[in-house]
Amino acid sequence: MSNTNEASGLHKQAATDHEAAAKHHRKAAECHDQNKLSDAKGSSKSAMDSSSAAHKHTETACGCSAK
């Protein structure tokens, strides 16, 4: 895979992970608004996991682009 294609793929993966994190954050907020604290906790955990993956992919993608 060329560096350009690799960088593109990495940035797309990071974006997908960030979008997933945002989805989980919105769900957690909705659960809080509905006073469903247990569900909010689960969505928050999912948001944290997605955010961590997004951060790692972002670092890799940006590092690849900087080469």
PDB file of N, CA and C in Angstrom:
ATOM      1  N   MET A   1       0.858  -1.178   0.000  1.00  0.00           N
ATOM      2  CA  MET A   1       0.000   0.000   0.000  1.00  0.00           C
ATOM      3  C   MET A   1       0.896   1.230   0.000  1.00  0.00           C
ATOM      4  N   SER A   2       0.583   2.208  -0.848  1.00  0.00           N
ATOM      5  CA  SER A   2       1.387   3.424  -0.879  1.00  0.00           C
ATOM      6  C   SER A   2       1.132   4.232   0.384  1.00  0.00           C
ATOM      7  N   ASN A   3       2.067   5.129   0.675  1.00  0.00           N
ATOM      8  CA  ASN A   3       1.942   5.966   1.869  1.00  0.00           C
ATOM      9  C   ASN A   3       0.665   6.803   1.809  1.00  0.00           C
ATOM     10  N   THR A   4       0.313   7.295   0.602  1.00  0.00           N
ATOM     11  CA  THR A   4      -0.900   8.104   0.445  1.00  0.00           C
ATOM     12  C   THR A   4      -2.143   7.282   0.742  1.00  0.00           C
ATOM     13  N   ASN A   5      -2.205   6.079   0.200  1.00  0.00           N
ATOM     14  CA  ASN A   5      -3.362   5.218   0.450  1.00  0.00           C
ATOM     15  C   ASN A   5      -3.425   4.801   1.912  1.00  0.00           C
ATOM     16  N   GLU A   6      -2.270   4.523   2.490  1.00  0.00           N
ATOM     17  CA  GLU A   6      -2.225   4.143   3.900  1.00  0.00           C
ATOM     18  C   GLU A   6      -2.724   5.294   4.769  1.00  0.00           C
ATOM     19  N   ALA A   7      -2.245   6.499   4.514  1.00  0.00           N
ATOM     20  CA  ALA A   7      -2.659   7.668   5.295  1.00  0.00           C
ATOM     21  C   ALA A   7      -4.164   7.900   5.148  1.00  0.00           C
ATOM     22  N   SER A   8      -4.663   7.779   3.926  1.00  0.00           N
ATOM     23  CA  SER A   8      -6.087   7.969   3.690  1.00  0.00           C
ATOM     24  C   SER A   8      -6.906   6.980   4.507  1.00  0.00           C
ATOM     25  N   GLY A   9      -6.526   5.722   4.456  1.00  0.00           N
ATOM     26  CA  GLY A   9      -7.235   4.694   5.211  1.00  0.00           C
ATOM     27  C   GLY A   9      -7.202   4.940   6.707  1.00  0.00           C
ATOM     28  N   LEU A  10      -6.048   5.370   7.193  1.00  0.00           N
ATOM     29  CA  LEU A  10      -5.917   5.641   8.634  1.00  0.00           C
ATOM     30  C   LEU A  10      -6.794   6.818   9.052  1.00  0.00           C
ATOM     31  N   HIS A  11      -6.828   7.859   8.240  1.00  0.00           N
ATOM     32  CA  HIS A  11      -7.680   9.012   8.568  1.00  0.00           C
ATOM     33  C   HIS A  11      -9.158   8.623   8.520  1.00  0.00           C
ATOM     34  N   LYS A  12      -9.535   7.795   7.568  1.00  0.00           N
ATOM     35  CA  LYS A  12     -10.929   7.336   7.489  1.00  0.00           C
ATOM     36  C   LYS A  12     -11.302   6.511   8.719  1.00  0.00           C
ATOM     37  N   GLN A  13     -10.374   5.661   9.169  1.00  0.00           N
ATOM     38  CA  GLN A  13     -10.643   4.858  10.361  1.00  0.00           C
ATOM     39  C   GLN A  13     -10.784   5.745  11.594  1.00  0.00           C
ATOM     40  N   ALA A  14      -9.916   6.749  11.706  1.00  0.00           N
ATOM     41  CA  ALA A  14     -10.001   7.676  12.839  1.00  0.00           C
ATOM     42  C   ALA A  14     -11.346   8.402  12.822  1.00  0.00           C
ATOM     43  N   ALA A  15     -11.776   8.839  11.642  1.00  0.00           N
ATOM     44  CA  ALA A  15     -13.061   9.541  11.537  1.00  0.00           C
ATOM     45  C   ALA A  15     -14.216   8.636  11.943  1.00  0.00           C
ATOM     46  N   THR A  16     -14.168   7.393  11.499  1.00  0.00           N
ATOM     47  CA  THR A  16     -15.210   6.429  11.863  1.00  0.00           C
ATOM     48  C   THR A  16     -15.260   6.238  13.379  1.00  0.00           C
ATOM     49  N   ASP A  17     -14.084   6.127  13.996  1.00  0.00           N
ATOM     50  CA  ASP A  17     -14.022   5.958  15.450  1.00  0.00           C
ATOM     51  C   ASP A  17     -14.560   7.192  16.172  1.00  0.00           C
ATOM     52  N   HIS A  18     -14.221   8.383  15.686  1.00  0.00           N
ATOM     53  CA  HIS A  18     -14.727   9.616  16.296  1.00  0.00           C
ATOM     54  C   HIS A  18     -16.246   9.698  16.162  1.00  0.00           C
ATOM     55  N   GLU A  19     -16.767   9.302  15.009  1.00  0.00           N
ATOM     56  CA  GLU A  19     -18.226   9.304  14.816  1.00  0.00           C
ATOM     57  C   GLU A  19     -18.909   8.324  15.762  1.00  0.00           C
ATOM     58  N   ALA A  20     -18.301   7.173  15.973  1.00  0.00           N
ATOM     59  CA  ALA A  20     -18.869   6.201  16.915  1.00  0.00           C
ATOM     60  C   ALA A  20     -18.858   6.764  18.330  1.00  0.00           C
ATOM     61  N   ALA A  21     -17.766   7.427  18.694  1.00  0.00           N
ATOM     62  CA  ALA A  21     -17.680   8.024  20.032  1.00  0.00           C
ATOM     63  C   ALA A  21     -18.767   9.077  20.207  1.00  0.00           C
ATOM     64  N   ALA A  22     -18.968   9.907  19.185  1.00  0.00           N
ATOM     65  CA  ALA A  22     -20.001  10.944  19.263  1.00  0.00           C
ATOM     66  C   ALA A  22     -21.383  10.325  19.437  1.00  0.00           C
ATOM     67  N   LYS A  23     -21.635   9.233  18.733  1.00  0.00           N
ATOM     68  CA  LYS A  23     -22.921   8.541  18.854  1.00  0.00           C
ATOM     69  C   LYS A  23     -23.141   8.073  20.295  1.00  0.00           C
ATOM     70  N   HIS A  24     -22.112   7.500  20.891  1.00  0.00           N
ATOM     71  CA  HIS A  24     -22.232   7.017  22.267  1.00  0.00           C
ATOM     72  C   HIS A  24     -22.376   8.175  23.257  1.00  0.00           C
ATOM     73  N   HIS A  25     -21.692   9.289  22.998  1.00  0.00           N
ATOM     74  CA  HIS A  25     -21.835  10.466  23.864  1.00  0.00           C
ATOM     75  C   HIS A  25     -23.270  11.001  23.801  1.00  0.00           C
ATOM     76  N   ARG A  26     -23.825  11.063  22.582  1.00  0.00           N
ATOM     77  CA  ARG A  26     -25.214  11.532  22.451  1.00  0.00           C
ATOM     78  C   ARG A  26     -26.172  10.608  23.192  1.00  0.00           C
ATOM     79  N   LYS A  27     -25.938   9.298  23.083  1.00  0.00           N
ATOM     80  CA  LYS A  27     -26.800   8.329  23.774  1.00  0.00           C
ATOM     81  C   LYS A  27     -26.682   8.492  25.290  1.00  0.00           C
ATOM     82  N   ALA A  28     -25.462   8.698  25.771  1.00  0.00           N
ATOM     83  CA  ALA A  28     -25.275   8.903  27.211  1.00  0.00           C
ATOM     84  C   ALA A  28     -26.018  10.154  27.674  1.00  0.00           C
ATOM     85  N   ALA A  29     -25.946  11.216  26.875  1.00  0.00           N
ATOM     86  CA  ALA A  29     -26.654  12.450  27.236  1.00  0.00           C
ATOM     87  C   ALA A  29     -28.163  12.219  27.286  1.00  0.00           C
ATOM     88  N   GLU A  30     -28.689  11.501  26.291  1.00  0.00           N
ATOM     89  CA  GLU A  30     -30.121  11.191  26.284  1.00  0.00           C
ATOM     90  C   GLU A  30     -30.516  10.396  27.523  1.00  0.00           C
ATOM     91  N   CYS A  31     -29.695   9.434  27.871  1.00  0.00           N
ATOM     92  CA  CYS A  31     -29.987   8.616  29.058  1.00  0.00           C
ATOM     93  C   CYS A  31     -29.988   9.466  30.319  1.00  0.00           C
ATOM     94  N   HIS A  32     -29.039  10.397  30.416  1.00  0.00           N
ATOM     95  CA  HIS A  32     -29.023  11.302  31.582  1.00  0.00           C
ATOM     96  C   HIS A  32     -30.287  12.154  31.604  1.00  0.00           C
ATOM     97  N   ASP A  33     -30.690  12.658  30.414  1.00  0.00           N
ATOM     98  CA  ASP A  33     -31.902  13.482  30.345  1.00  0.00           C
ATOM     99  C   ASP A  33     -33.128  12.705  30.799  1.00  0.00           C
ATOM    100  N   GLN A  34     -33.118  11.395  30.573  1.00  0.00           N
ATOM    101  CA  GLN A  34     -34.242  10.537  30.956  1.00  0.00           C
ATOM    102  C   GLN A  34     -34.033   9.892  32.328  1.00  0.00           C
ATOM    103  N   ASN A  35     -32.970  10.295  33.015  1.00  0.00           N
ATOM    104  CA  ASN A  35     -32.633   9.787  34.338  1.00  0.00           C
ATOM    105  C   ASN A  35     -32.419   8.267  34.342  1.00  0.00           C
ATOM    106  N   LYS A  36     -31.865   7.759  33.250  1.00  0.00           N
ATOM    107  CA  LYS A  36     -31.524   6.342  33.138  1.00  0.00           C
ATOM    108  C   LYS A  36     -30.020   6.205  33.367  1.00  0.00           C
ATOM    109  N   LEU A  37     -29.646   6.283  34.610  1.00  0.00           N
ATOM    110  CA  LEU A  37     -28.234   6.364  34.957  1.00  0.00           C
ATOM    111  C   LEU A  37     -27.446   5.105  34.607  1.00  0.00           C
ATOM    112  N   SER A  38     -28.045   3.964  34.739  1.00  0.00           N
ATOM    113  CA  SER A  38     -27.355   2.719  34.405  1.00  0.00           C
ATOM    114  C   SER A  38     -27.056   2.659  32.903  1.00  0.00           C
ATOM    115  N   ASP A  39     -28.040   3.039  32.099  1.00  0.00           N
ATOM    116  CA  ASP A  39     -27.836   3.060  30.648  1.00  0.00           C
ATOM    117  C   ASP A  39     -26.798   4.109  30.265  1.00  0.00           C
ATOM    118  N   ALA A  40     -26.816   5.251  30.950  1.00  0.00           N
ATOM    119  CA  ALA A  40     -25.843   6.305  30.685  1.00  0.00           C
ATOM    120  C   ALA A  40     -24.431   5.812  30.983  1.00  0.00           C
ATOM    121  N   LYS A  41     -24.305   5.040  32.041  1.00  0.00           N
ATOM    122  CA  LYS A  41     -22.996   4.495  32.392  1.00  0.00           C
ATOM    123  C   LYS A  41     -22.473   3.580  31.283  1.00  0.00           C
ATOM    124  N   GLY A  42     -23.331   2.734  30.747  1.00  0.00           N
ATOM    125  CA  GLY A  42     -22.933   1.843  29.665  1.00  0.00           C
ATOM    126  C   GLY A  42     -22.535   2.611  28.413  1.00  0.00           C
ATOM    127  N   SER A  43     -23.320   3.629  28.074  1.00  0.00           N
ATOM    128  CA  SER A  43     -23.005   4.443  26.899  1.00  0.00           C
ATOM    129  C   SER A  43     -21.718   5.231  27.108  1.00  0.00           C
ATOM    130  N   SER A  44     -21.500   5.671  28.326  1.00  0.00           N
ATOM    131  CA  SER A  44     -20.266   6.392  28.637  1.00  0.00           C
ATOM    132  C   SER A  44     -19.047   5.502  28.471  1.00  0.00           C
ATOM    133  N   LYS A  45     -19.173   4.257  28.894  1.00  0.00           N
ATOM    134  CA  LYS A  45     -18.070   3.299  28.731  1.00  0.00           C
ATOM    135  C   LYS A  45     -17.785   3.080  27.251  1.00  0.00           C
ATOM    136  N   SER A  46     -18.839   2.921  26.468  1.00  0.00           N
ATOM    137  CA  SER A  46     -18.670   2.743  25.028  1.00  0.00           C
ATOM    138  C   SER A  46     -18.041   3.980  24.392  1.00  0.00           C
ATOM    139  N   ALA A  47     -18.446   5.156  24.846  1.00  0.00           N
ATOM    140  CA  ALA A  47     -17.860   6.398  24.337  1.00  0.00           C
ATOM    141  C   ALA A  47     -16.373   6.464  24.663  1.00  0.00           C
ATOM    142  N   MET A  48     -16.018   6.075  25.857  1.00  0.00           N
ATOM    143  CA  MET A  48     -14.603   6.097  26.260  1.00  0.00           C
ATOM    144  C   MET A  48     -13.789   5.129  25.410  1.00  0.00           C
ATOM    145  N   ASP A  49     -14.308   3.941  25.191  1.00  0.00           N
ATOM    146  CA  ASP A  49     -13.606   2.950  24.367  1.00  0.00           C
ATOM    147  C   ASP A  49     -13.424   3.458  22.939  1.00  0.00           C
ATOM    148  N   SER A  50     -14.478   4.023  22.370  1.00  0.00           N
ATOM    149  CA  SER A  50     -14.394   4.550  21.010  1.00  0.00           C
ATOM    150  C   SER A  50     -13.453   5.748  20.934  1.00  0.00           C
ATOM    151  N   SER A  51     -13.495   6.584  21.951  1.00  0.00           N
ATOM    152  CA  SER A  51     -12.605   7.748  21.980  1.00  0.00           C
ATOM    153  C   SER A  51     -11.139   7.330  22.066  1.00  0.00           C
ATOM    154  N   SER A  52     -10.875   6.311  22.843  1.00  0.00           N
ATOM    155  CA  SER A  52      -9.500   5.811  22.955  1.00  0.00           C
ATOM    156  C   SER A  52      -9.007   5.263  21.622  1.00  0.00           C
ATOM    157  N   ALA A  53      -9.848   4.497  20.948  1.00  0.00           N
ATOM    158  CA  ALA A  53      -9.485   3.965  19.637  1.00  0.00           C
ATOM    159  C   ALA A  53      -9.294   5.102  18.641  1.00  0.00           C
ATOM    160  N   ALA A  54     -10.176   6.086  18.677  1.00  0.00           N
ATOM    161  CA  ALA A  54     -10.077   7.231  17.769  1.00  0.00           C
ATOM    162  C   ALA A  54      -8.770   7.985  17.996  1.00  0.00           C
ATOM    163  N   HIS A  55      -8.418   8.173  19.245  1.00  0.00           N
ATOM    164  CA  HIS A  55      -7.181   8.886  19.564  1.00  0.00           C
ATOM    165  C   HIS A  55      -5.963   8.147  19.002  1.00  0.00           C
ATOM    166  N   LYS A  56      -5.930   6.859  19.185  1.00  0.00           N
ATOM    167  CA  LYS A  56      -4.806   6.059  18.674  1.00  0.00           C
ATOM    168  C   LYS A  56      -4.740   6.120  17.152  1.00  0.00           C
ATOM    169  N   HIS A  57      -5.881   5.986  16.498  1.00  0.00           N
ATOM    170  CA  HIS A  57      -5.889   6.042  15.039  1.00  0.00           C
ATOM    171  C   HIS A  57      -5.539   7.444  14.531  1.00  0.00           C
ATOM    172  N   THR A  58      -5.959   8.470  15.259  1.00  0.00           N
ATOM    173  CA  THR A  58      -5.631   9.839  14.886  1.00  0.00           C
ATOM    174  C   THR A  58      -4.126  10.063  14.949  1.00  0.00           C
ATOM    175  N   GLU A  59      -3.515   9.619  16.033  1.00  0.00           N
ATOM    176  CA  GLU A  59      -2.050   9.772  16.151  1.00  0.00           C
ATOM    177  C   GLU A  59      -1.330   9.054  15.027  1.00  0.00           C
ATOM    178  N   THR A  60      -1.753   7.832  14.721  1.00  0.00           N
ATOM    179  CA  THR A  60      -1.116   7.060  13.661  1.00  0.00           C
ATOM    180  C   THR A  60      -1.329   7.737  12.299  1.00  0.00           C
ATOM    181  N   ALA A  61      -2.566   8.169  12.033  1.00  0.00           N
ATOM    182  CA  ALA A  61      -2.873   8.793  10.750  1.00  0.00           C
ATOM    183  C   ALA A  61      -2.080  10.088  10.561  1.00  0.00           C
ATOM    184  N   CYS A  62      -2.086  10.920  11.579  1.00  0.00           N
ATOM    185  CA  CYS A  62      -1.369  12.195  11.468  1.00  0.00           C
ATOM    186  C   CYS A  62       0.136  11.978  11.359  1.00  0.00           C
ATOM    187  N   GLY A  63       0.630  10.990  12.070  1.00  0.00           N
ATOM    188  CA  GLY A  63       2.052  10.662  11.954  1.00  0.00           C
ATOM    189  C   GLY A  63       2.409  10.179  10.554  1.00  0.00           C
ATOM    190  N   CYS A  64       1.530   9.420   9.968  1.00  0.00           N
ATOM    191  CA  CYS A  64       1.742   8.909   8.619  1.00  0.00           C
ATOM    192  C   CYS A  64       1.722  10.067   7.614  1.00  0.00           C
ATOM    193  N   SER A  65       0.804  10.994   7.806  1.00  0.00           N
ATOM    194  CA  SER A  65       0.702  12.149   6.909  1.00  0.00           C
ATOM    195  C   SER A  65       1.921  13.066   7.026  1.00  0.00           C
ATOM    196  N   ALA A  66       2.514  13.104   8.205  1.00  0.00           N
ATOM    197  CA  ALA A  66       3.654  13.987   8.442  1.00  0.00           C
ATOM    198  C   ALA A  66       4.947  13.476   7.813  1.00  0.00           C
ATOM    199  N   LYS A  67       4.941  12.214   7.372  1.00  0.00           N
ATOM    200  CA  LYS A  67       6.162  11.640   6.790  1.00  0.00           C
ATOM    201  C   LYS A  67       6.524  12.297   5.484  1.00  0.00           C
TER     202      LYS A  67
END
